[in-house]
Amino acid sequence: MARPSANTAYYEIRLKGQLNARWADWFDGMTITLDDNGDTLLSGPVVDQAALHGILRKIRDLGLTLLSVNSVE
């Protein structure tokens, strides 16, 4: 992942189903947390909107179901 800048935002992206932690590098080093309910939370800093769209495109390309995307203060 690129070096965080003043415009970097922290995101939490919730996915349906469980994603193996080995995918963390593919998702720009975001933290992968498996919820007890069987879903996955991707969380971490995203440098800009283009990077966020890149992550969302990877989710789409893997055929994963996107449940939510939240910017966290």
PDB file of N, CA and C in Angstrom:
ATOM      1  N   MET A   1       0.849  -1.166   0.000  1.00  0.00           N
ATOM      2  CA  MET A   1       0.000   0.000   0.000  1.00  0.00           C
ATOM      3  C   MET A   1       0.894   1.228   0.000  1.00  0.00           C
ATOM      4  N   ALA A   2       0.447   2.264  -0.673  1.00  0.00           N
ATOM      5  CA  ALA A   2       1.213   3.492  -0.738  1.00  0.00           C
ATOM      6  C   ALA A   2       1.270   4.159   0.634  1.00  0.00           C
ATOM      7  N   ARG A   3       2.234   5.026   0.808  1.00  0.00           N
ATOM      8  CA  ARG A   3       2.402   5.735   2.076  1.00  0.00           C
ATOM      9  C   ARG A   3       1.178   6.602   2.360  1.00  0.00           C
ATOM     10  N   PRO A   4       0.630   6.536   3.584  1.00  0.00           N
ATOM     11  CA  PRO A   4      -0.533   7.355   3.937  1.00  0.00           C
ATOM     12  C   PRO A   4      -0.229   8.841   3.803  1.00  0.00           C
ATOM     13  N   SER A   5      -1.220   9.588   3.330  1.00  0.00           N
ATOM     14  CA  SER A   5      -1.090  11.033   3.202  1.00  0.00           C
ATOM     15  C   SER A   5      -2.172  11.692   4.036  1.00  0.00           C
ATOM     16  N   ALA A   6      -2.216  13.013   3.962  1.00  0.00           N
ATOM     17  CA  ALA A   6      -3.232  13.763   4.713  1.00  0.00           C
ATOM     18  C   ALA A   6      -4.636  13.380   4.259  1.00  0.00           C
ATOM     19  N   ASN A   7      -4.770  12.872   3.037  1.00  0.00           N
ATOM     20  CA  ASN A   7      -6.084  12.510   2.495  1.00  0.00           C
ATOM     21  C   ASN A   7      -6.465  11.061   2.774  1.00  0.00           C
ATOM     22  N   THR A   8      -5.587  10.313   3.428  1.00  0.00           N
ATOM     23  CA  THR A   8      -5.848   8.907   3.705  1.00  0.00           C
ATOM     24  C   THR A   8      -7.028   8.767   4.653  1.00  0.00           C
ATOM     25  N   ALA A   9      -7.939   7.864   4.304  1.00  0.00           N
ATOM     26  CA  ALA A   9      -9.101   7.580   5.151  1.00  0.00           C
ATOM     27  C   ALA A   9      -9.024   6.123   5.595  1.00  0.00           C
ATOM     28  N   TYR A  10      -9.629   5.830   6.716  1.00  0.00           N
ATOM     29  CA  TYR A  10      -9.682   4.471   7.241  1.00  0.00           C
ATOM     30  C   TYR A  10     -11.045   3.899   6.872  1.00  0.00           C
ATOM     31  N   TYR A  11     -11.058   2.705   6.284  1.00  0.00           N
ATOM     32  CA  TYR A  11     -12.311   2.085   5.848  1.00  0.00           C
ATOM     33  C   TYR A  11     -12.519   0.734   6.492  1.00  0.00           C
ATOM     34  N   GLU A  12     -13.785   0.394   6.670  1.00  0.00           N
ATOM     35  CA  GLU A  12     -14.205  -0.948   7.050  1.00  0.00           C
ATOM     36  C   GLU A  12     -15.135  -1.444   5.960  1.00  0.00           C
ATOM     37  N   ILE A  13     -14.768  -2.557   5.351  1.00  0.00           N
ATOM     38  CA  ILE A  13     -15.526  -3.136   4.245  1.00  0.00           C
ATOM     39  C   ILE A  13     -15.986  -4.522   4.690  1.00  0.00           C
ATOM     40  N   ARG A  14     -17.290  -4.700   4.754  1.00  0.00           N
ATOM     41  CA  ARG A  14     -17.854  -5.968   5.234  1.00  0.00           C
ATOM     42  C   ARG A  14     -18.280  -6.820   4.032  1.00  0.00           C
ATOM     43  N   LEU A  15     -17.870  -8.104   4.070  1.00  0.00           N
ATOM     44  CA  LEU A  15     -18.161  -9.049   2.994  1.00  0.00           C
ATOM     45  C   LEU A  15     -18.930 -10.241   3.534  1.00  0.00           C
ATOM     46  N   LYS A  16     -19.794 -10.797   2.717  1.00  0.00           N
ATOM     47  CA  LYS A  16     -20.515 -12.008   3.097  1.00  0.00           C
ATOM     48  C   LYS A  16     -19.577 -13.200   2.909  1.00  0.00           C
ATOM     49  N   GLY A  17     -19.520 -14.071   3.899  1.00  0.00           N
ATOM     50  CA  GLY A  17     -18.649 -15.238   3.827  1.00  0.00           C
ATOM     51  C   GLY A  17     -17.279 -14.947   4.406  1.00  0.00           C
ATOM     52  N   GLN A  18     -16.483 -15.991   4.549  1.00  0.00           N
ATOM     53  CA  GLN A  18     -15.171 -15.832   5.161  1.00  0.00           C
ATOM     54  C   GLN A  18     -14.064 -15.880   4.117  1.00  0.00           C
ATOM     55  N   LEU A  19     -13.204 -14.872   4.188  1.00  0.00           N
ATOM     56  CA  LEU A  19     -12.075 -14.724   3.279  1.00  0.00           C
ATOM     57  C   LEU A  19     -10.810 -15.122   4.038  1.00  0.00           C
ATOM     58  N   ASN A  20     -10.029 -16.004   3.473  1.00  0.00           N
ATOM     59  CA  ASN A  20      -8.798 -16.468   4.108  1.00  0.00           C
ATOM     60  C   ASN A  20      -7.806 -15.313   4.269  1.00  0.00           C
ATOM     61  N   ALA A  21      -7.087 -15.292   5.378  1.00  0.00           N
ATOM     62  CA  ALA A  21      -6.120 -14.228   5.670  1.00  0.00           C
ATOM     63  C   ALA A  21      -5.012 -14.136   4.618  1.00  0.00           C
ATOM     64  N   ARG A  22      -4.798 -15.182   3.850  1.00  0.00           N
ATOM     65  CA  ARG A  22      -3.744 -15.142   2.818  1.00  0.00           C
ATOM     66  C   ARG A  22      -4.030 -14.104   1.738  1.00  0.00           C
ATOM     67  N   TRP A  23      -5.256 -13.586   1.676  1.00  0.00           N
ATOM     68  CA  TRP A  23      -5.624 -12.575   0.693  1.00  0.00           C
ATOM     69  C   TRP A  23      -5.227 -11.162   1.121  1.00  0.00           C
ATOM     70  N   ALA A  24      -4.700 -10.969   2.322  1.00  0.00           N
ATOM     71  CA  ALA A  24      -4.387  -9.627   2.839  1.00  0.00           C
ATOM     72  C   ALA A  24      -3.466  -8.849   1.895  1.00  0.00           C
ATOM     73  N   ASP A  25      -2.435  -9.489   1.366  1.00  0.00           N
ATOM     74  CA  ASP A  25      -1.527  -8.792   0.454  1.00  0.00           C
ATOM     75  C   ASP A  25      -2.245  -8.348  -0.813  1.00  0.00           C
ATOM     76  N   TRP A  26      -3.164  -9.168  -1.295  1.00  0.00           N
ATOM     77  CA  TRP A  26      -3.892  -8.829  -2.514  1.00  0.00           C
ATOM     78  C   TRP A  26      -4.809  -7.635  -2.287  1.00  0.00           C
ATOM     79  N   PHE A  27      -5.227  -7.459  -1.040  1.00  0.00           N
ATOM     80  CA  PHE A  27      -6.073  -6.324  -0.682  1.00  0.00           C
ATOM     81  C   PHE A  27      -5.247  -5.218  -0.047  1.00  0.00           C
ATOM     82  N   ASP A  28      -4.072  -4.976  -0.610  1.00  0.00           N
ATOM     83  CA  ASP A  28      -3.212  -3.866  -0.215  1.00  0.00           C
ATOM     84  C   ASP A  28      -2.893  -3.860   1.271  1.00  0.00           C
ATOM     85  N   GLY A  29      -2.749  -5.045   1.876  1.00  0.00           N
ATOM     86  CA  GLY A  29      -2.355  -5.147   3.264  1.00  0.00           C
ATOM     87  C   GLY A  29      -3.446  -4.827   4.272  1.00  0.00           C
ATOM     88  N   MET A  30      -4.686  -4.730   3.822  1.00  0.00           N
ATOM     89  CA  MET A  30      -5.773  -4.469   4.756  1.00  0.00           C
ATOM     90  C   MET A  30      -5.884  -5.635   5.733  1.00  0.00           C
ATOM     91  N   THR A  31      -6.346  -5.346   6.931  1.00  0.00           N
ATOM     92  CA  THR A  31      -6.531  -6.369   7.953  1.00  0.00           C
ATOM     93  C   THR A  31      -7.798  -7.163   7.657  1.00  0.00           C
ATOM     94  N   ILE A  32      -7.703  -8.480   7.714  1.00  0.00           N
ATOM     95  CA  ILE A  32      -8.857  -9.349   7.488  1.00  0.00           C
ATOM     96  C   ILE A  32      -9.282  -9.924   8.828  1.00  0.00           C
ATOM     97  N   THR A  33     -10.520  -9.639   9.216  1.00  0.00           N
ATOM     98  CA  THR A  33     -11.072 -10.145  10.469  1.00  0.00           C
ATOM     99  C   THR A  33     -12.288 -10.996  10.160  1.00  0.00           C
ATOM    100  N   LEU A  34     -12.303 -12.225  10.651  1.00  0.00           N
ATOM    101  CA  LEU A  34     -13.438 -13.117  10.447  1.00  0.00           C
ATOM    102  C   LEU A  34     -14.413 -12.941  11.610  1.00  0.00           C
ATOM    103  N   ASP A  35     -15.658 -12.584  11.289  1.00  0.00           N
ATOM    104  CA  ASP A  35     -16.688 -12.404  12.312  1.00  0.00           C
ATOM    105  C   ASP A  35     -17.281 -13.741  12.719  1.00  0.00           C
ATOM    106  N   ASP A  36     -17.812 -13.796  13.930  1.00  0.00           N
ATOM    107  CA  ASP A  36     -18.461 -15.011  14.424  1.00  0.00           C
ATOM    108  C   ASP A  36     -19.674 -15.398  13.590  1.00  0.00           C
ATOM    109  N   ASN A  37     -20.285 -14.418  12.916  1.00  0.00           N
ATOM    110  CA  ASN A  37     -21.479 -14.698  12.112  1.00  0.00           C
ATOM    111  C   ASN A  37     -21.142 -15.256  10.728  1.00  0.00           C
ATOM    112  N   GLY A  38     -19.846 -15.448  10.444  1.00  0.00           N
ATOM    113  CA  GLY A  38     -19.441 -16.029   9.166  1.00  0.00           C
ATOM    114  C   GLY A  38     -19.067 -15.019   8.106  1.00  0.00           C
ATOM    115  N   ASP A  39     -19.120 -13.727   8.428  1.00  0.00           N
ATOM    116  CA  ASP A  39     -18.749 -12.693   7.469  1.00  0.00           C
ATOM    117  C   ASP A  39     -17.297 -12.274   7.685  1.00  0.00           C
ATOM    118  N   THR A  40     -16.792 -11.435   6.771  1.00  0.00           N
ATOM    119  CA  THR A  40     -15.418 -10.953   6.819  1.00  0.00           C
ATOM    120  C   THR A  40     -15.415  -9.433   6.870  1.00  0.00           C
ATOM    121  N   LEU A  41     -14.516  -8.874   7.670  1.00  0.00           N
ATOM    122  CA  LEU A  41     -14.321  -7.430   7.726  1.00  0.00           C
ATOM    123  C   LEU A  41     -12.918  -7.129   7.228  1.00  0.00           C
ATOM    124  N   LEU A  42     -12.833  -6.321   6.164  1.00  0.00           N
ATOM    125  CA  LEU A  42     -11.557  -5.790   5.685  1.00  0.00           C
ATOM    126  C   LEU A  42     -11.444  -4.397   6.286  1.00  0.00           C
ATOM    127  N   SER A  43     -10.327  -4.080   6.912  1.00  0.00           N
ATOM    128  CA  SER A  43     -10.194  -2.749   7.494  1.00  0.00           C
ATOM    129  C   SER A  43      -8.778  -2.241   7.317  1.00  0.00           C
ATOM    130  N   GLY A  44      -8.675  -0.920   7.194  1.00  0.00           N
ATOM    131  CA  GLY A  44      -7.364  -0.314   7.078  1.00  0.00           C
ATOM    132  C   GLY A  44      -7.413   1.005   6.342  1.00  0.00           C
ATOM    133  N   PRO A  45      -6.251   1.655   6.244  1.00  0.00           N
ATOM    134  CA  PRO A  45      -6.175   2.941   5.562  1.00  0.00           C
ATOM    135  C   PRO A  45      -6.226   2.764   4.045  1.00  0.00           C
ATOM    136  N   VAL A  46      -6.881   3.708   3.395  1.00  0.00           N
ATOM    137  CA  VAL A  46      -6.975   3.743   1.934  1.00  0.00           C
ATOM    138  C   VAL A  46      -6.548   5.140   1.510  1.00  0.00           C
ATOM    139  N   VAL A  47      -5.551   5.239   0.640  1.00  0.00           N
ATOM    140  CA  VAL A  47      -4.927   6.530   0.342  1.00  0.00           C
ATOM    141  C   VAL A  47      -5.809   7.504  -0.418  1.00  0.00           C
ATOM    142  N   ASP A  48      -6.710   6.986  -1.264  1.00  0.00           N
ATOM    143  CA  ASP A  48      -7.589   7.886  -2.008  1.00  0.00           C
ATOM    144  C   ASP A  48      -8.750   7.094  -2.615  1.00  0.00           C
ATOM    145  N   GLN A  49      -9.636   7.797  -3.292  1.00  0.00           N
ATOM    146  CA  GLN A  49     -10.813   7.151  -3.863  1.00  0.00           C
ATOM    147  C   GLN A  49     -10.448   6.157  -4.957  1.00  0.00           C
ATOM    148  N   ALA A  50      -9.385   6.421  -5.705  1.00  0.00           N
ATOM    149  CA  ALA A  50      -8.955   5.479  -6.744  1.00  0.00           C
ATOM    150  C   ALA A  50      -8.531   4.156  -6.111  1.00  0.00           C
ATOM    151  N   ALA A  51      -7.831   4.216  -4.979  1.00  0.00           N
ATOM    152  CA  ALA A  51      -7.417   2.995  -4.278  1.00  0.00           C
ATOM    153  C   ALA A  51      -8.632   2.244  -3.733  1.00  0.00           C
ATOM    154  N   LEU A  52      -9.610   2.983  -3.223  1.00  0.00           N
ATOM    155  CA  LEU A  52     -10.838   2.354  -2.725  1.00  0.00           C
ATOM    156  C   LEU A  52     -11.557   1.629  -3.860  1.00  0.00           C
ATOM    157  N   HIS A  53     -11.674   2.266  -4.998  1.00  0.00           N
ATOM    158  CA  HIS A  53     -12.332   1.628  -6.140  1.00  0.00           C
ATOM    159  C   HIS A  53     -11.553   0.406  -6.611  1.00  0.00           C
ATOM    160  N   GLY A  54     -10.228   0.435  -6.495  1.00  0.00           N
ATOM    161  CA  GLY A  54      -9.419  -0.727  -6.838  1.00  0.00           C
ATOM    162  C   GLY A  54      -9.715  -1.913  -5.921  1.00  0.00           C
ATOM    163  N   ILE A  55      -9.869  -1.637  -4.634  1.00  0.00           N
ATOM    164  CA  ILE A  55     -10.215  -2.700  -3.680  1.00  0.00           C
ATOM    165  C   ILE A  55     -11.599  -3.251  -3.987  1.00  0.00           C
ATOM    166  N   LEU A  56     -12.547  -2.368  -4.253  1.00  0.00           N
ATOM    167  CA  LEU A  56     -13.911  -2.801  -4.568  1.00  0.00           C
ATOM    168  C   LEU A  56     -13.949  -3.621  -5.860  1.00  0.00           C
ATOM    169  N   ARG A  57     -13.106  -3.261  -6.826  1.00  0.00           N
ATOM    170  CA  ARG A  57     -13.029  -4.023  -8.080  1.00  0.00           C
ATOM    171  C   ARG A  57     -12.514  -5.438  -7.814  1.00  0.00           C
ATOM    172  N   LYS A  58     -11.527  -5.580  -6.915  1.00  0.00           N
ATOM    173  CA  LYS A  58     -11.006  -6.901  -6.565  1.00  0.00           C
ATOM    174  C   LYS A  58     -12.088  -7.754  -5.898  1.00  0.00           C
ATOM    175  N   ILE A  59     -12.880  -7.124  -5.037  1.00  0.00           N
ATOM    176  CA  ILE A  59     -13.995  -7.830  -4.390  1.00  0.00           C
ATOM    177  C   ILE A  59     -14.961  -8.334  -5.446  1.00  0.00           C
ATOM    178  N   ARG A  60     -15.295  -7.489  -6.402  1.00  0.00           N
ATOM    179  CA  ARG A  60     -16.186  -7.872  -7.491  1.00  0.00           C
ATOM    180  C   ARG A  60     -15.591  -9.003  -8.323  1.00  0.00           C
ATOM    181  N   ASP A  61     -14.313  -8.886  -8.655  1.00  0.00           N
ATOM    182  CA  ASP A  61     -13.663  -9.883  -9.508  1.00  0.00           C
ATOM    183  C   ASP A  61     -13.594 -11.260  -8.847  1.00  0.00           C
ATOM    184  N   LEU A  62     -13.540 -11.291  -7.513  1.00  0.00           N
ATOM    185  CA  LEU A  62     -13.538 -12.561  -6.784  1.00  0.00           C
ATOM    186  C   LEU A  62     -14.940 -13.127  -6.618  1.00  0.00           C
ATOM    187  N   GLY A  63     -15.958 -12.361  -7.008  1.00  0.00           N
ATOM    188  CA  GLY A  63     -17.339 -12.819  -6.883  1.00  0.00           C
ATOM    189  C   GLY A  63     -17.846 -12.772  -5.454  1.00  0.00           C
ATOM    190  N   LEU A  64     -17.213 -11.940  -4.610  1.00  0.00           N
ATOM    191  CA  LEU A  64     -17.631 -11.824  -3.220  1.00  0.00           C
ATOM    192  C   LEU A  64     -18.829 -10.892  -3.106  1.00  0.00           C
ATOM    193  N   THR A  65     -19.663 -11.125  -2.103  1.00  0.00           N
ATOM    194  CA  THR A  65     -20.825 -10.271  -1.872  1.00  0.00           C
ATOM    195  C   THR A  65     -20.439  -9.150  -0.917  1.00  0.00           C
ATOM    196  N   LEU A  66     -20.573  -7.915  -1.394  1.00  0.00           N
ATOM    197  CA  LEU A  66     -20.274  -6.727  -0.609  1.00  0.00           C
ATOM    198  C   LEU A  66     -21.481  -6.389   0.252  1.00  0.00           C
ATOM    199  N   LEU A  67     -21.276  -6.313   1.569  1.00  0.00           N
ATOM    200  CA  LEU A  67     -22.371  -5.986   2.487  1.00  0.00           C
ATOM    201  C   LEU A  67     -22.377  -4.507   2.859  1.00  0.00           C
ATOM    202  N   SER A  68     -21.184  -3.924   3.087  1.00  0.00           N
ATOM    203  CA  SER A  68     -21.132  -2.500   3.432  1.00  0.00           C
ATOM    204  C   SER A  68     -19.730  -1.956   3.262  1.00  0.00           C
ATOM    205  N   VAL A  69     -19.665  -0.629   3.064  1.00  0.00           N
ATOM    206  CA  VAL A  69     -18.409   0.102   3.007  1.00  0.00           C
ATOM    207  C   VAL A  69     -18.592   1.331   3.892  1.00  0.00           C
ATOM    208  N   ASN A  70     -17.748   1.468   4.902  1.00  0.00           N
ATOM    209  CA  ASN A  70     -17.879   2.594   5.828  1.00  0.00           C
ATOM    210  C   ASN A  70     -16.542   3.268   6.037  1.00  0.00           C
ATOM    211  N   SER A  71     -16.553   4.593   5.938  1.00  0.00           N
ATOM    212  CA  SER A  71     -15.401   5.394   6.302  1.00  0.00           C
ATOM    213  C   SER A  71     -15.470   5.602   7.814  1.00  0.00           C
ATOM    214  N   VAL A  72     -14.361   5.362   8.494  1.00  0.00           N
ATOM    215  CA  VAL A  72     -14.337   5.450   9.953  1.00  0.00           C
ATOM    216  C   VAL A  72     -13.459   6.630  10.350  1.00  0.00           C
ATOM    217  N   GLU A  73     -13.955   7.464  11.219  1.00  0.00           N
ATOM    218  CA  GLU A  73     -13.194   8.632  11.699  1.00  0.00           C
ATOM    219  C   GLU A  73     -12.037   8.199  12.551  1.00  0.00           C
TER     220      GLU A  73
END
